[in-house]
Amino acid sequence: MDFGVTPLDGHPLPPRVTICEVGPRDGLQNESTTLPVEAKAEFVDRLVDAGHTLVEATSFVHPRWVPQLADAEDLLRAITPAEGVRYPVLVPNERGLDRALDLGVQDIAVFASATETFSRRNLNRSVDESLEMIAPVVARAREAGVRVRAYLSMCFGDPWEGQVPVPQVVDVATRMMRLGCTELSLGDTIGVATPGRVVALLDALVADGTPLDSLAVHFHDTYGQALANTFAALRRGVTIIDSSAGGLGGCPYAGSATGNLATEDLLWHLHGLGIDTGIDLQKMVETSVWLAEHLGRPSPSRTVTALAG
């Protein structure tokens, strides 16, 4: 892998990072305010205009469970796809895949949990049963030429089971990738990861045969460790980082989860390291200020707060 940026300690960093913007799905799904579809479409368009090339657009999870995203089909019809931009859509099962394929979706996402308790609370299924459910989704998507992003929750800690052992995470992650997923996002769902644990998990996955360039990281900032964890992942060569505009999001099934890593905070961090993202920070700040007005609350992002004035 070509590394061109060197921080103060001499350890190489990737010269460019792809940010997966999860605000429109993972961010908005946990908001008490439901935006009209026109505002959601404008949100997505603003993200693309700022330079994003990977924007998680919405979800086909049943609206009873995620009512904020009940307008998924209308939103996808309202978005004019930009050339070179991927718009993953989360699908929980084959029914969701059918809806996505009917709309011409080229990127889907599937999800599972590294822990049994969260899997049963979130999916009403065991880990094994959840993998059995998504197996035909992945197979059919790949047959149709659709890319599949996999989300694995509770990779570092679970509010009911505590710290999650690395071998347990590696086992589930490896099984997801063997289904045919093209990318795996490692979720710190409740924000308890620390840099040492991030490195341990990444090293274990690579040692087990998972390609480093297929791995992404998804941090929450409950203990203020999201950027430190990001830096640890960068040092190990990860080049795909999930974040959410303005720090939107949490997890509706894990009450201790706070917001996602804010895209603006991540951009300030990466650009300060000399890492290219292709994203305009000021446009992201303006977008998050605009979104905060629609949601009726200020953005929790410190970078937004600092630059918006």
C-alpha atoms as a PDB file:
ATOM      1  CA  MET A   1       0.000   0.000   0.000  1.00  0.00           C
ATOM      2  CA  ASP A   2       1.262   3.462  -0.915  1.00  0.00           C
ATOM      3  CA  PHE A   3       1.759   5.609   2.183  1.00  0.00           C
ATOM      4  CA  GLY A   4       2.857   9.166   1.701  1.00  0.00           C
ATOM      5  CA  VAL A   5       2.069  11.121   4.865  1.00  0.00           C
ATOM      6  CA  THR A   6       4.294  10.949   7.935  1.00  0.00           C
ATOM      7  CA  PRO A   7       3.232  12.318  11.345  1.00  0.00           C
ATOM      8  CA  LEU A   8       5.644  13.418  14.062  1.00  0.00           C
ATOM      9  CA  ASP A   9       6.463   9.912  15.270  1.00  0.00           C
ATOM     10  CA  GLY A  10       7.582   8.814  11.811  1.00  0.00           C
ATOM     11  CA  HIS A  11       4.854   6.204  11.365  1.00  0.00           C
ATOM     12  CA  PRO A  12       3.402   6.334   7.813  1.00  0.00           C
ATOM     13  CA  LEU A  13      -0.241   7.245   7.240  1.00  0.00           C
ATOM     14  CA  PRO A  14      -2.370   6.786   4.117  1.00  0.00           C
ATOM     15  CA  PRO A  15      -2.246   9.805   1.788  1.00  0.00           C
ATOM     16  CA  ARG A  16      -5.982   9.644   1.096  1.00  0.00           C
ATOM     17  CA  VAL A  17      -9.022   8.459   3.058  1.00  0.00           C
ATOM     18  CA  THR A  18     -12.563   7.732   1.915  1.00  0.00           C
ATOM     19  CA  ILE A  19     -15.234   8.936   4.313  1.00  0.00           C
ATOM     20  CA  CYS A  20     -18.478   6.986   4.355  1.00  0.00           C
ATOM     21  CA  GLU A  21     -21.078   9.602   5.278  1.00  0.00           C
ATOM     22  CA  VAL A  22     -23.778   7.860   7.316  1.00  0.00           C
ATOM     23  CA  GLY A  23     -25.805  10.899   8.373  1.00  0.00           C
ATOM     24  CA  PRO A  24     -28.818  10.379   6.100  1.00  0.00           C
ATOM     25  CA  ARG A  25     -29.397   6.857   7.436  1.00  0.00           C
ATOM     26  CA  ASP A  26     -27.589   6.069  10.660  1.00  0.00           C
ATOM     27  CA  GLY A  27     -27.756   9.692  11.744  1.00  0.00           C
ATOM     28  CA  LEU A  28     -31.372  10.537  11.034  1.00  0.00           C
ATOM     29  CA  GLN A  29     -32.818   7.193  12.158  1.00  0.00           C
ATOM     30  CA  ASN A  30     -32.258   8.093  15.812  1.00  0.00           C
ATOM     31  CA  GLU A  31     -33.584  11.658  15.651  1.00  0.00           C
ATOM     32  CA  SER A  32     -36.901  12.483  17.298  1.00  0.00           C
ATOM     33  CA  THR A  33     -37.683  14.908  14.449  1.00  0.00           C
ATOM     34  CA  THR A  34     -38.613  13.314  11.141  1.00  0.00           C
ATOM     35  CA  LEU A  35     -37.505  15.397   8.172  1.00  0.00           C
ATOM     36  CA  PRO A  36     -39.697  15.684   5.074  1.00  0.00           C
ATOM     37  CA  VAL A  37     -38.391  13.786   2.087  1.00  0.00           C
ATOM     38  CA  GLU A  38     -37.533  17.035   0.277  1.00  0.00           C
ATOM     39  CA  ALA A  39     -35.200  18.047   3.106  1.00  0.00           C
ATOM     40  CA  LYS A  40     -33.580  14.601   3.137  1.00  0.00           C
ATOM     41  CA  ALA A  41     -32.964  14.800  -0.610  1.00  0.00           C
ATOM     42  CA  GLU A  42     -31.406  18.226  -0.188  1.00  0.00           C
ATOM     43  CA  PHE A  43     -29.256  16.858   2.644  1.00  0.00           C
ATOM     44  CA  VAL A  44     -27.909  14.115   0.384  1.00  0.00           C
ATOM     45  CA  ASP A  45     -27.328  16.581  -2.456  1.00  0.00           C
ATOM     46  CA  ARG A  46     -25.458  18.930  -0.119  1.00  0.00           C
ATOM     47  CA  LEU A  47     -23.199  16.085   1.015  1.00  0.00           C
ATOM     48  CA  VAL A  48     -22.369  15.192  -2.563  1.00  0.00           C
ATOM     49  CA  ASP A  49     -21.771  18.848  -3.423  1.00  0.00           C
ATOM     50  CA  ALA A  50     -19.300  19.013  -0.521  1.00  0.00           C
ATOM     51  CA  GLY A  51     -17.301  16.230  -2.155  1.00  0.00           C
ATOM     52  CA  HIS A  52     -18.584  12.981  -0.654  1.00  0.00           C
ATOM     53  CA  THR A  53     -18.400   9.938  -2.918  1.00  0.00           C
ATOM     54  CA  LEU A  54     -19.875   7.421  -0.458  1.00  0.00           C
ATOM     55  CA  VAL A  55     -23.199   8.449   1.130  1.00  0.00           C
ATOM     56  CA  GLU A  56     -25.400   5.972   2.988  1.00  0.00           C
ATOM     57  CA  ALA A  57     -28.756   7.189   1.709  1.00  0.00           C
ATOM     58  CA  THR A  58     -31.468   5.363   3.642  1.00  0.00           C
ATOM     59  CA  SER A  59     -32.792   2.018   4.876  1.00  0.00           C
ATOM     60  CA  PHE A  60     -35.463  -0.494   3.890  1.00  0.00           C
ATOM     61  CA  VAL A  61     -35.925  -1.645   7.476  1.00  0.00           C
ATOM     62  CA  HIS A  62     -39.634  -1.922   8.311  1.00  0.00           C
ATOM     63  CA  PRO A  63     -41.036   1.531   9.193  1.00  0.00           C
ATOM     64  CA  ARG A  64     -42.481   0.151  12.405  1.00  0.00           C
ATOM     65  CA  TRP A  65     -38.921  -0.172  13.701  1.00  0.00           C
ATOM     66  CA  VAL A  66     -37.424   2.913  12.074  1.00  0.00           C
ATOM     67  CA  PRO A  67     -40.283   5.326  11.309  1.00  0.00           C
ATOM     68  CA  GLN A  68     -37.899   8.176  10.477  1.00  0.00           C
ATOM     69  CA  LEU A  69     -36.910   6.345   7.270  1.00  0.00           C
ATOM     70  CA  ALA A  70     -40.356   5.185   6.164  1.00  0.00           C
ATOM     71  CA  ASP A  71     -40.037   7.312   3.011  1.00  0.00           C
ATOM     72  CA  ALA A  72     -37.013   5.400   1.669  1.00  0.00           C
ATOM     73  CA  GLU A  73     -38.467   4.705  -1.769  1.00  0.00           C
ATOM     74  CA  ASP A  74     -39.627   8.299  -2.212  1.00  0.00           C
ATOM     75  CA  LEU A  75     -36.184   9.553  -1.200  1.00  0.00           C
ATOM     76  CA  LEU A  76     -34.359   7.354  -3.680  1.00  0.00           C
ATOM     77  CA  ARG A  77     -36.676   8.573  -6.437  1.00  0.00           C
ATOM     78  CA  ALA A  78     -35.978  12.171  -5.397  1.00  0.00           C
ATOM     79  CA  ILE A  79     -32.188  11.798  -5.560  1.00  0.00           C
ATOM     80  CA  THR A  80     -30.449  12.283  -8.900  1.00  0.00           C
ATOM     81  CA  PRO A  81     -27.371  10.052  -8.607  1.00  0.00           C
ATOM     82  CA  ALA A  82     -24.132  11.876  -9.292  1.00  0.00           C
ATOM     83  CA  GLU A  83     -21.438  10.246 -11.392  1.00  0.00           C
ATOM     84  CA  GLY A  84     -18.827   8.484  -9.297  1.00  0.00           C
ATOM     85  CA  VAL A  85     -20.895   8.585  -6.097  1.00  0.00           C
ATOM     86  CA  ARG A  86     -22.076   5.470  -4.266  1.00  0.00           C
ATOM     87  CA  TYR A  87     -25.359   5.545  -2.305  1.00  0.00           C
ATOM     88  CA  PRO A  88     -25.561   2.406  -0.121  1.00  0.00           C
ATOM     89  CA  VAL A  89     -29.017   1.431   1.160  1.00  0.00           C
ATOM     90  CA  LEU A  90     -29.387  -0.728   4.261  1.00  0.00           C
ATOM     91  CA  VAL A  91     -31.514  -3.845   3.669  1.00  0.00           C
ATOM     92  CA  PRO A  92     -32.397  -6.324   6.438  1.00  0.00           C
ATOM     93  CA  ASN A  93     -33.724  -9.223   4.354  1.00  0.00           C
ATOM     94  CA  GLU A  94     -34.645 -10.410   0.865  1.00  0.00           C
ATOM     95  CA  ARG A  95     -37.814  -8.329   0.835  1.00  0.00           C
ATOM     96  CA  GLY A  96     -35.715  -5.231   1.368  1.00  0.00           C
ATOM     97  CA  LEU A  97     -33.323  -6.361  -1.354  1.00  0.00           C
ATOM     98  CA  ASP A  98     -36.213  -6.748  -3.806  1.00  0.00           C
ATOM     99  CA  ARG A  99     -37.265  -3.156  -3.131  1.00  0.00           C
ATOM    100  CA  ALA A 100     -33.699  -1.936  -3.595  1.00  0.00           C
ATOM    101  CA  LEU A 101     -33.161  -3.828  -6.857  1.00  0.00           C
ATOM    102  CA  ASP A 102     -36.489  -2.590  -8.233  1.00  0.00           C
ATOM    103  CA  LEU A 103     -35.191   0.969  -7.765  1.00  0.00           C
ATOM    104  CA  GLY A 104     -31.859   0.243  -9.433  1.00  0.00           C
ATOM    105  CA  VAL A 105     -29.747   0.459  -6.257  1.00  0.00           C
ATOM    106  CA  GLN A 106     -26.110  -0.470  -6.933  1.00  0.00           C
ATOM    107  CA  ASP A 107     -24.863  -0.609  -3.327  1.00  0.00           C
ATOM    108  CA  ILE A 108     -26.570  -2.237  -0.378  1.00  0.00           C
ATOM    109  CA  ALA A 109     -25.587  -2.732   3.244  1.00  0.00           C
ATOM    110  CA  VAL A 110     -26.382  -5.608   5.581  1.00  0.00           C
ATOM    111  CA  PHE A 111     -25.869  -5.801   9.322  1.00  0.00           C
ATOM    112  CA  ALA A 112     -25.207  -8.238  12.141  1.00  0.00           C
ATOM    113  CA  SER A 113     -23.997  -8.168  15.720  1.00  0.00           C
ATOM    114  CA  ALA A 114     -20.872  -9.625  17.283  1.00  0.00           C
ATOM    115  CA  THR A 115     -22.851 -10.391  20.456  1.00  0.00           C
ATOM    116  CA  GLU A 116     -25.828 -12.637  21.087  1.00  0.00           C
ATOM    117  CA  THR A 117     -27.725 -10.261  23.373  1.00  0.00           C
ATOM    118  CA  PHE A 118     -27.698  -7.327  21.007  1.00  0.00           C
ATOM    119  CA  SER A 119     -28.497  -9.582  18.059  1.00  0.00           C
ATOM    120  CA  ARG A 120     -31.625 -10.831  19.805  1.00  0.00           C
ATOM    121  CA  ARG A 121     -32.667  -7.346  20.942  1.00  0.00           C
ATOM    122  CA  ASN A 122     -31.992  -5.706  17.593  1.00  0.00           C
ATOM    123  CA  LEU A 123     -32.880  -8.484  15.134  1.00  0.00           C
ATOM    124  CA  ASN A 124     -34.885 -10.883  17.310  1.00  0.00           C
ATOM    125  CA  ARG A 125     -32.469 -13.573  16.143  1.00  0.00           C
ATOM    126  CA  SER A 126     -29.302 -15.265  17.322  1.00  0.00           C
ATOM    127  CA  VAL A 127     -26.033 -14.390  15.605  1.00  0.00           C
ATOM    128  CA  ASP A 128     -26.194 -17.636  13.618  1.00  0.00           C
ATOM    129  CA  GLU A 129     -29.782 -16.967  12.586  1.00  0.00           C
ATOM    130  CA  SER A 130     -28.984 -13.418  11.524  1.00  0.00           C
ATOM    131  CA  LEU A 131     -26.145 -14.613   9.300  1.00  0.00           C
ATOM    132  CA  GLU A 132     -28.444 -17.220   7.791  1.00  0.00           C
ATOM    133  CA  MET A 133     -30.948 -14.447   7.043  1.00  0.00           C
ATOM    134  CA  ILE A 134     -28.473 -12.204   5.229  1.00  0.00           C
ATOM    135  CA  ALA A 135     -26.680 -15.004   3.339  1.00  0.00           C
ATOM    136  CA  PRO A 136     -29.201 -15.115   0.455  1.00  0.00           C
ATOM    137  CA  VAL A 137     -29.355 -11.295   0.436  1.00  0.00           C
ATOM    138  CA  VAL A 138     -25.615 -11.083  -0.144  1.00  0.00           C
ATOM    139  CA  ALA A 139     -25.613 -13.903  -2.697  1.00  0.00           C
ATOM    140  CA  ARG A 140     -28.450 -12.418  -4.754  1.00  0.00           C
ATOM    141  CA  ALA A 141     -26.975  -8.920  -4.578  1.00  0.00           C
ATOM    142  CA  ARG A 142     -23.593 -10.088  -5.817  1.00  0.00           C
ATOM    143  CA  GLU A 143     -25.244 -12.076  -8.620  1.00  0.00           C
ATOM    144  CA  ALA A 144     -26.957  -8.839  -9.670  1.00  0.00           C
ATOM    145  CA  GLY A 145     -23.625  -7.000  -9.686  1.00  0.00           C
ATOM    146  CA  VAL A 146     -24.445  -5.017  -6.544  1.00  0.00           C
ATOM    147  CA  ARG A 147     -21.746  -4.158  -4.001  1.00  0.00           C
ATOM    148  CA  VAL A 148     -22.413  -5.227  -0.405  1.00  0.00           C
ATOM    149  CA  ARG A 149     -21.235  -3.267   2.622  1.00  0.00           C
ATOM    150  CA  ALA A 150     -21.437  -5.205   5.901  1.00  0.00           C
ATOM    151  CA  TYR A 151     -21.933  -3.561   9.285  1.00  0.00           C
ATOM    152  CA  LEU A 152     -20.876  -5.461  12.376  1.00  0.00           C
ATOM    153  CA  SER A 153     -22.182  -3.974  15.633  1.00  0.00           C
ATOM    154  CA  MET A 154     -20.795  -4.294  19.163  1.00  0.00           C
ATOM    155  CA  CYS A 155     -17.223  -4.979  18.068  1.00  0.00           C
ATOM    156  CA  PHE A 156     -15.709  -3.603  21.270  1.00  0.00           C
ATOM    157  CA  GLY A 157     -18.358  -3.568  23.966  1.00  0.00           C
ATOM    158  CA  ASP A 158     -21.969  -4.504  24.596  1.00  0.00           C
ATOM    159  CA  PRO A 159     -24.176  -2.813  27.249  1.00  0.00           C
ATOM    160  CA  TRP A 160     -25.396  -6.220  28.453  1.00  0.00           C
ATOM    161  CA  GLU A 161     -22.350  -8.451  27.890  1.00  0.00           C
ATOM    162  CA  GLY A 162     -19.520  -6.007  28.606  1.00  0.00           C
ATOM    163  CA  GLN A 163     -16.209  -6.101  26.761  1.00  0.00           C
ATOM    164  CA  VAL A 164     -16.381  -8.272  23.652  1.00  0.00           C
ATOM    165  CA  PRO A 165     -13.437 -10.682  23.148  1.00  0.00           C
ATOM    166  CA  VAL A 166     -11.438 -10.133  19.977  1.00  0.00           C
ATOM    167  CA  PRO A 167     -11.727 -13.790  18.807  1.00  0.00           C
ATOM    168  CA  GLN A 168     -15.516 -13.537  19.065  1.00  0.00           C
ATOM    169  CA  VAL A 169     -15.562 -10.473  16.795  1.00  0.00           C
ATOM    170  CA  VAL A 170     -13.112 -12.051  14.353  1.00  0.00           C
ATOM    171  CA  ASP A 171     -15.302 -15.155  14.082  1.00  0.00           C
ATOM    172  CA  VAL A 172     -18.460 -13.248  13.151  1.00  0.00           C
ATOM    173  CA  ALA A 173     -16.603 -10.777  10.921  1.00  0.00           C
ATOM    174  CA  THR A 174     -14.907 -13.573   8.990  1.00  0.00           C
ATOM    175  CA  ARG A 175     -18.203 -15.364   8.502  1.00  0.00           C
ATOM    176  CA  MET A 176     -19.796 -12.194   7.132  1.00  0.00           C
ATOM    177  CA  MET A 177     -16.986 -11.663   4.648  1.00  0.00           C
ATOM    178  CA  ARG A 178     -17.153 -15.282   3.516  1.00  0.00           C
ATOM    179  CA  LEU A 179     -20.768 -14.705   2.510  1.00  0.00           C
ATOM    180  CA  GLY A 180     -19.434 -12.432  -0.220  1.00  0.00           C
ATOM    181  CA  CYS A 181     -19.529  -8.963   1.333  1.00  0.00           C
ATOM    182  CA  THR A 182     -17.192  -6.516  -0.359  1.00  0.00           C
ATOM    183  CA  GLU A 183     -16.556  -4.233   2.621  1.00  0.00           C
ATOM    184  CA  LEU A 184     -16.817  -4.618   6.396  1.00  0.00           C
ATOM    185  CA  SER A 185     -17.445  -1.718   8.780  1.00  0.00           C
ATOM    186  CA  LEU A 186     -16.421  -2.448  12.372  1.00  0.00           C
ATOM    187  CA  GLY A 187     -18.855  -0.724  14.722  1.00  0.00           C
ATOM    188  CA  ASP A 188     -18.009   0.668  18.147  1.00  0.00           C
ATOM    189  CA  THR A 189     -21.734   0.915  18.769  1.00  0.00           C
ATOM    190  CA  ILE A 190     -21.614   2.240  22.322  1.00  0.00           C
ATOM    191  CA  GLY A 191     -18.350   4.147  22.008  1.00  0.00           C
ATOM    192  CA  VAL A 192     -16.196   2.177  24.444  1.00  0.00           C
ATOM    193  CA  ALA A 193     -13.245   1.381  22.167  1.00  0.00           C
ATOM    194  CA  THR A 194      -9.743   2.609  22.917  1.00  0.00           C
ATOM    195  CA  PRO A 195      -6.765   2.772  20.523  1.00  0.00           C
ATOM    196  CA  GLY A 196      -5.113  -0.355  21.879  1.00  0.00           C
ATOM    197  CA  ARG A 197      -8.254  -2.413  21.398  1.00  0.00           C
ATOM    198  CA  VAL A 198      -8.727  -1.014  17.894  1.00  0.00           C
ATOM    199  CA  VAL A 199      -5.222  -2.097  16.925  1.00  0.00           C
ATOM    200  CA  ALA A 200      -5.693  -5.535  18.494  1.00  0.00           C
ATOM    201  CA  LEU A 201      -8.878  -6.177  16.513  1.00  0.00           C
ATOM    202  CA  LEU A 202      -7.476  -4.930  13.207  1.00  0.00           C
ATOM    203  CA  ASP A 203      -4.320  -7.005  13.618  1.00  0.00           C
ATOM    204  CA  ALA A 204      -6.355 -10.110  14.483  1.00  0.00           C
ATOM    205  CA  LEU A 205      -8.622  -9.686  11.446  1.00  0.00           C
ATOM    206  CA  VAL A 206      -5.690  -9.232   9.078  1.00  0.00           C
ATOM    207  CA  ALA A 207      -3.916 -12.230  10.615  1.00  0.00           C
ATOM    208  CA  ASP A 208      -7.079 -14.257  10.021  1.00  0.00           C
ATOM    209  CA  GLY A 209      -7.072 -13.345   6.333  1.00  0.00           C
ATOM    210  CA  THR A 210      -9.389 -10.343   6.038  1.00  0.00           C
ATOM    211  CA  PRO A 211      -7.875  -7.871   3.536  1.00  0.00           C
ATOM    212  CA  LEU A 212      -7.061  -4.559   5.186  1.00  0.00           C
ATOM    213  CA  ASP A 213      -8.429  -2.590   2.231  1.00  0.00           C
ATOM    214  CA  SER A 214     -11.867  -4.145   2.803  1.00  0.00           C
ATOM    215  CA  LEU A 215     -12.110  -2.841   6.382  1.00  0.00           C
ATOM    216  CA  ALA A 216     -13.787   0.343   7.575  1.00  0.00           C
ATOM    217  CA  VAL A 217     -14.186   1.681  11.111  1.00  0.00           C
ATOM    218  CA  HIS A 218     -17.294   3.227  12.648  1.00  0.00           C
ATOM    219  CA  PHE A 219     -16.732   4.999  15.959  1.00  0.00           C
ATOM    220  CA  HIS A 220     -19.083   6.640  18.428  1.00  0.00           C
ATOM    221  CA  ASP A 221     -17.748   9.316  20.760  1.00  0.00           C
ATOM    222  CA  THR A 222     -19.276   8.345  24.113  1.00  0.00           C
ATOM    223  CA  TYR A 223     -15.943   8.612  25.970  1.00  0.00           C
ATOM    224  CA  GLY A 224     -14.344  11.167  23.646  1.00  0.00           C
ATOM    225  CA  GLN A 225     -12.136   8.525  22.026  1.00  0.00           C
ATOM    226  CA  ALA A 226     -13.435   8.537  18.444  1.00  0.00           C
ATOM    227  CA  LEU A 227     -10.604  10.603  16.938  1.00  0.00           C
ATOM    228  CA  ALA A 228      -7.931   8.785  18.947  1.00  0.00           C
ATOM    229  CA  ASN A 229      -9.381   5.494  17.702  1.00  0.00           C
ATOM    230  CA  THR A 230      -9.436   6.844  14.162  1.00  0.00           C
ATOM    231  CA  PHE A 231      -5.756   7.752  14.388  1.00  0.00           C
ATOM    232  CA  ALA A 232      -4.942   4.246  15.623  1.00  0.00           C
ATOM    233  CA  ALA A 233      -6.822   2.760  12.666  1.00  0.00           C
ATOM    234  CA  LEU A 234      -5.045   5.085  10.232  1.00  0.00           C
ATOM    235  CA  ARG A 235      -1.675   3.969  11.575  1.00  0.00           C
ATOM    236  CA  ARG A 236      -2.684   0.379  10.846  1.00  0.00           C
ATOM    237  CA  GLY A 237      -3.537   1.342   7.258  1.00  0.00           C
ATOM    238  CA  VAL A 238      -7.340   1.648   7.323  1.00  0.00           C
ATOM    239  CA  THR A 239      -8.516   4.038   4.600  1.00  0.00           C
ATOM    240  CA  ILE A 240     -12.325   3.977   5.014  1.00  0.00           C
ATOM    241  CA  ILE A 241     -13.794   5.888   7.955  1.00  0.00           C
ATOM    242  CA  ASP A 242     -17.513   6.183   8.749  1.00  0.00           C
ATOM    243  CA  SER A 243     -18.786   9.469  10.125  1.00  0.00           C
ATOM    244  CA  SER A 244     -21.966  11.485  10.358  1.00  0.00           C
ATOM    245  CA  ALA A 245     -22.572  15.125   9.450  1.00  0.00           C
ATOM    246  CA  GLY A 246     -22.708  17.203  12.607  1.00  0.00           C
ATOM    247  CA  GLY A 247     -22.296  14.098  14.805  1.00  0.00           C
ATOM    248  CA  LEU A 248     -25.855  12.900  14.217  1.00  0.00           C
ATOM    249  CA  GLY A 249     -26.927   9.498  15.378  1.00  0.00           C
ATOM    250  CA  GLY A 250     -26.675   6.878  18.047  1.00  0.00           C
ATOM    251  CA  CYS A 251     -28.382   3.537  18.213  1.00  0.00           C
ATOM    252  CA  PRO A 252     -32.094   3.131  18.973  1.00  0.00           C
ATOM    253  CA  TYR A 253     -31.465  -0.322  20.463  1.00  0.00           C
ATOM    254  CA  ALA A 254     -28.532   0.632  22.700  1.00  0.00           C
ATOM    255  CA  GLY A 255     -29.467   3.440  25.040  1.00  0.00           C
ATOM    256  CA  SER A 256     -25.893   4.148  26.111  1.00  0.00           C
ATOM    257  CA  ALA A 257     -24.798   4.971  22.562  1.00  0.00           C
ATOM    258  CA  THR A 258     -24.171   8.630  21.850  1.00  0.00           C
ATOM    259  CA  GLY A 259     -23.622  10.280  18.494  1.00  0.00           C
ATOM    260  CA  ASN A 260     -21.423   9.118  15.681  1.00  0.00           C
ATOM    261  CA  LEU A 261     -18.041  10.678  15.048  1.00  0.00           C
ATOM    262  CA  ALA A 262     -18.827  14.054  13.454  1.00  0.00           C
ATOM    263  CA  THR A 263     -17.694  14.350   9.851  1.00  0.00           C
ATOM    264  CA  GLU A 264     -16.465  17.898  10.448  1.00  0.00           C
ATOM    265  CA  ASP A 265     -14.320  16.828  13.423  1.00  0.00           C
ATOM    266  CA  LEU A 266     -12.934  13.988  11.327  1.00  0.00           C
ATOM    267  CA  LEU A 267     -12.142  16.338   8.443  1.00  0.00           C
ATOM    268  CA  TRP A 268     -10.319  18.762  10.739  1.00  0.00           C
ATOM    269  CA  HIS A 269      -8.294  15.817  12.075  1.00  0.00           C
ATOM    270  CA  LEU A 270      -7.468  14.302   8.672  1.00  0.00           C
ATOM    271  CA  HIS A 271      -6.702  17.565   6.909  1.00  0.00           C
ATOM    272  CA  GLY A 272      -4.441  18.532   9.799  1.00  0.00           C
ATOM    273  CA  LEU A 273      -2.474  15.352   9.166  1.00  0.00           C
ATOM    274  CA  GLY A 274      -2.140  16.217   5.496  1.00  0.00           C
ATOM    275  CA  ILE A 275      -4.506  13.417   4.445  1.00  0.00           C
ATOM    276  CA  ASP A 276      -6.646  14.101   1.384  1.00  0.00           C
ATOM    277  CA  THR A 277     -10.407  13.446   1.554  1.00  0.00           C
ATOM    278  CA  GLY A 278     -11.749  15.398  -1.410  1.00  0.00           C
ATOM    279  CA  ILE A 279     -14.333  16.998   0.888  1.00  0.00           C
ATOM    280  CA  ASP A 280     -14.828  20.705   1.532  1.00  0.00           C
ATOM    281  CA  LEU A 281     -14.923  21.292   5.293  1.00  0.00           C
ATOM    282  CA  GLN A 282     -16.659  24.671   5.086  1.00  0.00           C
ATOM    283  CA  LYS A 283     -19.461  23.243   2.955  1.00  0.00           C
ATOM    284  CA  MET A 284     -19.919  20.482   5.531  1.00  0.00           C
ATOM    285  CA  VAL A 285     -20.134  23.051   8.328  1.00  0.00           C
ATOM    286  CA  GLU A 286     -22.761  24.975   6.372  1.00  0.00           C
ATOM    287  CA  THR A 287     -24.693  21.759   5.755  1.00  0.00           C
ATOM    288  CA  SER A 288     -24.684  20.820   9.436  1.00  0.00           C
ATOM    289  CA  VAL A 289     -25.811  24.306  10.452  1.00  0.00           C
ATOM    290  CA  TRP A 290     -28.638  24.053   7.904  1.00  0.00           C
ATOM    291  CA  LEU A 291     -29.560  20.577   9.197  1.00  0.00           C
ATOM    292  CA  ALA A 292     -29.494  21.690  12.835  1.00  0.00           C
ATOM    293  CA  GLU A 293     -32.073  24.349  11.994  1.00  0.00           C
ATOM    294  CA  HIS A 294     -34.339  21.683  10.503  1.00  0.00           C
ATOM    295  CA  LEU A 295     -33.898  19.426  13.524  1.00  0.00           C
ATOM    296  CA  GLY A 296     -34.389  22.227  16.035  1.00  0.00           C
ATOM    297  CA  ARG A 297     -31.186  21.635  17.960  1.00  0.00           C
ATOM    298  CA  PRO A 298     -27.524  22.639  17.641  1.00  0.00           C
ATOM    299  CA  SER A 299     -24.906  20.311  16.227  1.00  0.00           C
ATOM    300  CA  PRO A 300     -22.767  18.542  18.868  1.00  0.00           C
ATOM    301  CA  SER A 301     -19.711  18.826  16.608  1.00  0.00           C
ATOM    302  CA  ARG A 302     -17.043  21.057  18.133  1.00  0.00           C
ATOM    303  CA  THR A 303     -15.681  21.900  14.693  1.00  0.00           C
ATOM    304  CA  VAL A 304     -19.105  23.015  13.508  1.00  0.00           C
ATOM    305  CA  THR A 305     -19.453  25.160  16.617  1.00  0.00           C
ATOM    306  CA  ALA A 306     -16.011  26.690  16.108  1.00  0.00           C
ATOM    307  CA  LEU A 307     -16.348  27.441  12.403  1.00  0.00           C
ATOM    308  CA  ALA A 308     -20.034  28.339  12.176  1.00  0.00           C
ATOM    309  CA  GLY A 309     -19.577  31.632  14.015  1.00  0.00           C
END
